[in-house]
Amino acid sequence: MDQQGPGLLFWVIWLGFIIFCIAGIWKTFAKAGKPGWAAIVPIYNIIVMLEIAGKPIWWIILYLIPVVNIIVAFMVMAAFARNFGKGTGFAIGLVFLPFIFYPILGFGDATYSPAAA
């Protein structure tokens, strides 16, 4: 049998990976008192992240500007991590390896404390 493209096993593993990532963000949002389902709604999930980070909602416009969006992502993730009692290194992890660091926030012992920002 000549197979074209990835097989069923690949897609099952990939689906499990995606569900795990979504669950991590869902739990993180829930810890912050926001609706977990916001993790799966495009654009609204960025608005929720801005709220959790304590940044103004209009910053979503900055995500549309090339190069500026990279700087804004770092700033938002730094505030996001700080509100969960994490440092700058964790924020860098949220930007570059979100599939690892969101589940750590969501399923770990981090607690949301917006006064920390």
N, C-alpha and C. Protein backbone atom coordinates (compact mmCIF):
# COMPACT_ATOMS: atom_id res chain seq x y z
N MET A 1 0.85 -1.18 0.00
CA MET A 1 0.00 0.00 0.00
C MET A 1 0.89 1.24 0.00
N ASP A 2 0.71 2.09 -0.98
CA ASP A 2 1.48 3.32 -1.08
C ASP A 2 0.69 4.45 -0.42
N GLN A 3 1.27 4.98 0.63
CA GLN A 3 0.55 5.99 1.40
C GLN A 3 1.03 7.39 1.03
N GLN A 4 0.10 8.28 0.81
CA GLN A 4 0.41 9.66 0.50
C GLN A 4 0.12 10.53 1.72
N GLY A 5 1.13 11.20 2.25
CA GLY A 5 0.92 12.10 3.38
C GLY A 5 0.92 11.37 4.72
N PRO A 6 0.63 12.11 5.76
CA PRO A 6 0.65 11.52 7.11
C PRO A 6 -0.49 10.53 7.32
N GLY A 7 -0.23 9.55 8.16
CA GLY A 7 -1.21 8.51 8.42
C GLY A 7 -2.15 8.87 9.56
N LEU A 8 -3.03 7.94 9.84
CA LEU A 8 -4.04 8.13 10.88
C LEU A 8 -3.41 8.34 12.25
N LEU A 9 -2.36 7.60 12.55
CA LEU A 9 -1.70 7.73 13.85
C LEU A 9 -1.20 9.16 14.06
N PHE A 10 -0.61 9.74 13.03
CA PHE A 10 -0.14 11.12 13.11
C PHE A 10 -1.29 12.06 13.47
N TRP A 11 -2.41 11.92 12.79
CA TRP A 11 -3.53 12.82 13.01
C TRP A 11 -4.15 12.64 14.39
N VAL A 12 -4.17 11.43 14.91
CA VAL A 12 -4.68 11.17 16.26
C VAL A 12 -3.78 11.83 17.29
N ILE A 13 -2.46 11.67 17.12
CA ILE A 13 -1.51 12.30 18.04
C ILE A 13 -1.61 13.81 17.94
N TRP A 14 -1.71 14.34 16.73
CA TRP A 14 -1.82 15.79 16.52
C TRP A 14 -3.08 16.34 17.18
N LEU A 15 -4.19 15.66 17.02
CA LEU A 15 -5.44 16.09 17.63
C LEU A 15 -5.33 16.10 19.16
N GLY A 16 -4.71 15.07 19.72
CA GLY A 16 -4.49 15.03 21.16
C GLY A 16 -3.63 16.19 21.64
N PHE A 17 -2.60 16.51 20.88
CA PHE A 17 -1.71 17.63 21.19
C PHE A 17 -2.48 18.95 21.18
N ILE A 18 -3.28 19.17 20.17
CA ILE A 18 -4.08 20.40 20.05
C ILE A 18 -5.07 20.50 21.20
N ILE A 19 -5.74 19.42 21.54
CA ILE A 19 -6.70 19.43 22.64
C ILE A 19 -5.99 19.74 23.96
N PHE A 20 -4.79 19.19 24.16
CA PHE A 20 -4.01 19.47 25.37
C PHE A 20 -3.65 20.96 25.45
N CYS A 21 -3.25 21.55 24.33
CA CYS A 21 -2.89 22.98 24.30
C CYS A 21 -4.11 23.85 24.61
N ILE A 22 -5.22 23.55 23.99
CA ILE A 22 -6.45 24.31 24.23
C ILE A 22 -6.88 24.17 25.68
N ALA A 23 -6.77 22.97 26.24
CA ALA A 23 -7.14 22.75 27.64
C ALA A 23 -6.27 23.58 28.57
N GLY A 24 -4.99 23.71 28.24
CA GLY A 24 -4.08 24.53 29.06
C GLY A 24 -4.48 25.99 29.07
N ILE A 25 -4.81 26.52 27.90
CA ILE A 25 -5.24 27.92 27.82
C ILE A 25 -6.60 28.08 28.50
N TRP A 26 -7.49 27.13 28.28
CA TRP A 26 -8.83 27.14 28.90
C TRP A 26 -8.71 27.24 30.42
N LYS A 27 -7.88 26.36 31.00
CA LYS A 27 -7.70 26.35 32.45
C LYS A 27 -7.05 27.65 32.95
N THR A 28 -6.12 28.19 32.17
CA THR A 28 -5.47 29.45 32.54
C THR A 28 -6.49 30.58 32.57
N PHE A 29 -7.35 30.64 31.56
CA PHE A 29 -8.40 31.66 31.54
C PHE A 29 -9.34 31.48 32.72
N ALA A 30 -9.71 30.24 33.01
CA ALA A 30 -10.62 29.96 34.13
C ALA A 30 -10.00 30.38 35.46
N LYS A 31 -8.70 30.17 35.63
CA LYS A 31 -8.03 30.59 36.86
C LYS A 31 -8.10 32.11 37.04
N ALA A 32 -8.11 32.82 35.93
CA ALA A 32 -8.16 34.28 35.98
C ALA A 32 -9.60 34.79 36.09
N GLY A 33 -10.57 33.89 36.20
CA GLY A 33 -11.96 34.31 36.34
C GLY A 33 -12.62 34.68 35.02
N LYS A 34 -12.02 34.29 33.93
CA LYS A 34 -12.58 34.55 32.59
C LYS A 34 -13.19 33.26 32.07
N PRO A 35 -14.07 33.35 31.08
CA PRO A 35 -14.66 32.12 30.54
C PRO A 35 -13.61 31.29 29.80
N GLY A 36 -13.53 30.02 30.13
CA GLY A 36 -12.56 29.14 29.49
C GLY A 36 -12.78 28.98 28.01
N TRP A 37 -14.05 28.97 27.59
CA TRP A 37 -14.36 28.80 26.17
C TRP A 37 -13.78 29.91 25.31
N ALA A 38 -13.39 31.03 25.92
CA ALA A 38 -12.79 32.14 25.16
C ALA A 38 -11.48 31.70 24.50
N ALA A 39 -10.88 30.65 25.00
CA ALA A 39 -9.62 30.15 24.43
C ALA A 39 -9.78 29.68 22.99
N ILE A 40 -10.98 29.29 22.60
CA ILE A 40 -11.19 28.75 21.25
C ILE A 40 -11.86 29.74 20.31
N VAL A 41 -12.10 30.97 20.76
CA VAL A 41 -12.75 31.97 19.91
C VAL A 41 -11.70 32.95 19.41
N PRO A 42 -11.44 32.96 18.10
CA PRO A 42 -10.44 33.87 17.56
C PRO A 42 -10.76 35.33 17.89
N ILE A 43 -9.77 36.12 18.07
CA ILE A 43 -9.79 37.54 18.39
C ILE A 43 -10.28 37.77 19.82
N TYR A 44 -11.38 37.13 20.21
CA TYR A 44 -11.86 37.30 21.58
C TYR A 44 -10.84 36.77 22.57
N ASN A 45 -10.11 35.70 22.19
CA ASN A 45 -9.11 35.17 23.11
C ASN A 45 -7.98 36.17 23.33
N ILE A 46 -7.67 36.98 22.35
CA ILE A 46 -6.65 38.02 22.52
C ILE A 46 -7.19 39.11 23.44
N ILE A 47 -8.47 39.45 23.29
CA ILE A 47 -9.09 40.44 24.17
C ILE A 47 -9.04 39.96 25.61
N VAL A 48 -9.35 38.69 25.84
CA VAL A 48 -9.31 38.12 27.19
C VAL A 48 -7.88 38.14 27.73
N MET A 49 -6.90 37.81 26.88
CA MET A 49 -5.50 37.87 27.32
C MET A 49 -5.11 39.28 27.73
N LEU A 50 -5.56 40.26 26.96
CA LEU A 50 -5.27 41.66 27.31
C LEU A 50 -5.91 42.02 28.65
N GLU A 51 -7.13 41.55 28.89
CA GLU A 51 -7.79 41.82 30.17
C GLU A 51 -7.04 41.17 31.32
N ILE A 52 -6.62 39.93 31.14
CA ILE A 52 -5.87 39.23 32.19
C ILE A 52 -4.54 39.92 32.45
N ALA A 53 -3.91 40.41 31.39
CA ALA A 53 -2.62 41.09 31.53
C ALA A 53 -2.78 42.50 32.09
N GLY A 54 -4.01 43.01 32.13
CA GLY A 54 -4.23 44.35 32.63
C GLY A 54 -3.91 45.44 31.63
N LYS A 55 -3.93 45.09 30.37
CA LYS A 55 -3.65 46.06 29.30
C LYS A 55 -4.96 46.54 28.69
N PRO A 56 -4.95 47.76 28.11
CA PRO A 56 -6.18 48.26 27.49
C PRO A 56 -6.58 47.44 26.27
N ILE A 57 -7.88 47.34 26.06
CA ILE A 57 -8.42 46.52 24.96
C ILE A 57 -7.99 47.06 23.60
N TRP A 58 -7.79 48.34 23.48
CA TRP A 58 -7.42 48.91 22.18
C TRP A 58 -6.06 48.40 21.70
N TRP A 59 -5.28 47.78 22.57
CA TRP A 59 -3.99 47.22 22.16
C TRP A 59 -4.15 46.13 21.12
N ILE A 60 -5.36 45.63 20.97
CA ILE A 60 -5.57 44.60 19.94
C ILE A 60 -5.23 45.16 18.56
N ILE A 61 -5.38 46.45 18.37
CA ILE A 61 -5.02 47.10 17.10
C ILE A 61 -3.51 46.98 16.87
N LEU A 62 -2.73 47.05 17.94
CA LEU A 62 -1.28 46.97 17.82
C LEU A 62 -0.84 45.59 17.33
N TYR A 63 -1.66 44.58 17.57
CA TYR A 63 -1.35 43.23 17.07
C TYR A 63 -1.44 43.17 15.55
N LEU A 64 -2.07 44.14 14.92
CA LEU A 64 -2.22 44.14 13.46
C LEU A 64 -1.07 44.81 12.74
N ILE A 65 -0.18 45.47 13.49
CA ILE A 65 0.94 46.21 12.89
C ILE A 65 2.19 45.32 12.91
N PRO A 66 2.73 45.04 11.73
CA PRO A 66 3.93 44.19 11.68
C PRO A 66 5.07 44.77 12.52
N VAL A 67 5.85 43.93 13.11
CA VAL A 67 6.98 44.21 13.99
C VAL A 67 6.50 44.74 15.35
N VAL A 68 5.56 45.67 15.34
CA VAL A 68 5.01 46.18 16.59
C VAL A 68 4.32 45.04 17.34
N ASN A 69 3.66 44.15 16.59
CA ASN A 69 2.95 43.04 17.23
C ASN A 69 3.89 42.12 18.01
N ILE A 70 5.12 41.99 17.58
CA ILE A 70 6.08 41.17 18.30
C ILE A 70 6.41 41.81 19.65
N ILE A 71 6.65 43.10 19.63
CA ILE A 71 6.96 43.84 20.87
C ILE A 71 5.77 43.80 21.81
N VAL A 72 4.58 44.02 21.27
CA VAL A 72 3.36 44.00 22.08
C VAL A 72 3.14 42.61 22.67
N ALA A 73 3.40 41.57 21.90
CA ALA A 73 3.24 40.20 22.40
C ALA A 73 4.14 39.97 23.62
N PHE A 74 5.37 40.43 23.55
CA PHE A 74 6.27 40.30 24.69
C PHE A 74 5.77 41.09 25.90
N MET A 75 5.29 42.30 25.66
CA MET A 75 4.80 43.14 26.76
C MET A 75 3.56 42.52 27.41
N VAL A 76 2.64 42.03 26.59
CA VAL A 76 1.42 41.42 27.11
C VAL A 76 1.74 40.14 27.87
N MET A 77 2.60 39.30 27.30
CA MET A 77 2.94 38.05 27.97
C MET A 77 3.73 38.29 29.25
N ALA A 78 4.55 39.35 29.30
CA ALA A 78 5.27 39.69 30.53
C ALA A 78 4.28 40.06 31.63
N ALA A 79 3.27 40.88 31.29
CA ALA A 79 2.25 41.26 32.27
C ALA A 79 1.37 40.06 32.63
N PHE A 80 1.07 39.24 31.63
CA PHE A 80 0.27 38.02 31.84
C PHE A 80 0.97 37.11 32.85
N ALA A 81 2.26 36.85 32.61
CA ALA A 81 3.04 35.98 33.50
C ALA A 81 3.16 36.59 34.89
N ARG A 82 3.39 37.88 34.94
CA ARG A 82 3.52 38.58 36.23
C ARG A 82 2.24 38.45 37.06
N ASN A 83 1.09 38.50 36.40
CA ASN A 83 -0.19 38.37 37.11
C ASN A 83 -0.41 36.96 37.65
N PHE A 84 0.38 36.01 37.17
CA PHE A 84 0.32 34.65 37.70
C PHE A 84 1.53 34.35 38.59
N GLY A 85 2.26 35.40 38.95
CA GLY A 85 3.40 35.23 39.84
C GLY A 85 4.63 34.67 39.17
N LYS A 86 4.72 34.78 37.87
CA LYS A 86 5.87 34.26 37.12
C LYS A 86 6.72 35.42 36.63
N GLY A 87 7.95 35.11 36.23
CA GLY A 87 8.89 36.14 35.81
C GLY A 87 8.99 36.31 34.31
N THR A 88 10.01 37.07 33.91
CA THR A 88 10.23 37.38 32.50
C THR A 88 10.59 36.13 31.70
N GLY A 89 11.36 35.23 32.29
CA GLY A 89 11.71 34.00 31.59
C GLY A 89 10.48 33.18 31.24
N PHE A 90 9.52 33.16 32.14
CA PHE A 90 8.27 32.44 31.87
C PHE A 90 7.50 33.13 30.74
N ALA A 91 7.53 34.46 30.72
CA ALA A 91 6.86 35.21 29.65
C ALA A 91 7.48 34.88 28.30
N ILE A 92 8.79 34.77 28.25
CA ILE A 92 9.46 34.40 27.00
C ILE A 92 9.02 32.99 26.58
N GLY A 93 8.87 32.11 27.56
CA GLY A 93 8.36 30.78 27.27
C GLY A 93 6.95 30.81 26.73
N LEU A 94 6.11 31.69 27.25
CA LEU A 94 4.74 31.83 26.75
C LEU A 94 4.72 32.30 25.29
N VAL A 95 5.69 33.11 24.91
CA VAL A 95 5.74 33.61 23.54
C VAL A 95 6.27 32.53 22.59
N PHE A 96 7.37 31.88 22.97
CA PHE A 96 8.02 30.94 22.05
C PHE A 96 7.56 29.49 22.17
N LEU A 97 7.13 29.08 23.35
CA LEU A 97 6.69 27.70 23.56
C LEU A 97 5.36 27.67 24.30
N PRO A 98 4.34 28.28 23.72
CA PRO A 98 3.05 28.34 24.43
C PRO A 98 2.45 26.97 24.69
N PHE A 99 2.73 25.99 23.86
CA PHE A 99 2.18 24.64 24.04
C PHE A 99 2.75 23.95 25.27
N ILE A 100 3.83 24.48 25.82
CA ILE A 100 4.38 23.95 27.07
C ILE A 100 3.99 24.83 28.25
N PHE A 101 4.09 26.14 28.08
CA PHE A 101 3.94 27.05 29.21
C PHE A 101 2.49 27.35 29.60
N TYR A 102 1.55 27.34 28.66
CA TYR A 102 0.14 27.52 29.04
C TYR A 102 -0.37 26.36 29.88
N PRO A 103 -0.07 25.10 29.50
CA PRO A 103 -0.49 24.00 30.39
C PRO A 103 0.17 24.08 31.77
N ILE A 104 1.40 24.56 31.84
CA ILE A 104 2.04 24.72 33.15
C ILE A 104 1.25 25.71 33.99
N LEU A 105 0.82 26.82 33.37
CA LEU A 105 0.00 27.80 34.11
C LEU A 105 -1.36 27.23 34.47
N GLY A 106 -1.99 26.61 33.49
CA GLY A 106 -3.35 26.12 33.70
C GLY A 106 -3.46 24.96 34.67
N PHE A 107 -2.56 24.00 34.56
CA PHE A 107 -2.65 22.80 35.39
C PHE A 107 -1.73 22.84 36.60
N GLY A 108 -0.85 23.84 36.66
CA GLY A 108 0.06 23.95 37.78
C GLY A 108 -0.56 24.67 38.97
N ASP A 109 0.29 25.05 39.90
CA ASP A 109 -0.20 25.68 41.14
C ASP A 109 -0.18 27.21 41.08
N ALA A 110 0.08 27.80 39.91
CA ALA A 110 0.07 29.25 39.79
C ALA A 110 -1.32 29.80 40.06
N THR A 111 -1.38 30.91 40.76
CA THR A 111 -2.67 31.56 41.04
C THR A 111 -2.67 32.95 40.44
N TYR A 112 -3.83 33.36 40.01
CA TYR A 112 -4.00 34.67 39.39
C TYR A 112 -4.11 35.73 40.45
N SER A 113 -3.27 36.74 40.36
CA SER A 113 -3.28 37.85 41.30
C SER A 113 -3.03 39.14 40.55
N PRO A 114 -4.08 39.80 40.07
CA PRO A 114 -3.88 40.98 39.24
C PRO A 114 -3.18 42.13 39.97
N ALA A 115 -3.20 42.12 41.29
CA ALA A 115 -2.52 43.18 42.04
C ALA A 115 -1.00 43.09 41.88
N ALA A 116 -0.52 41.90 41.49
CA ALA A 116 0.92 41.72 41.31
C ALA A 116 1.45 42.56 40.16
N ALA A 117 0.58 42.90 39.21
CA ALA A 117 1.01 43.73 38.08
C ALA A 117 0.99 45.16 38.52
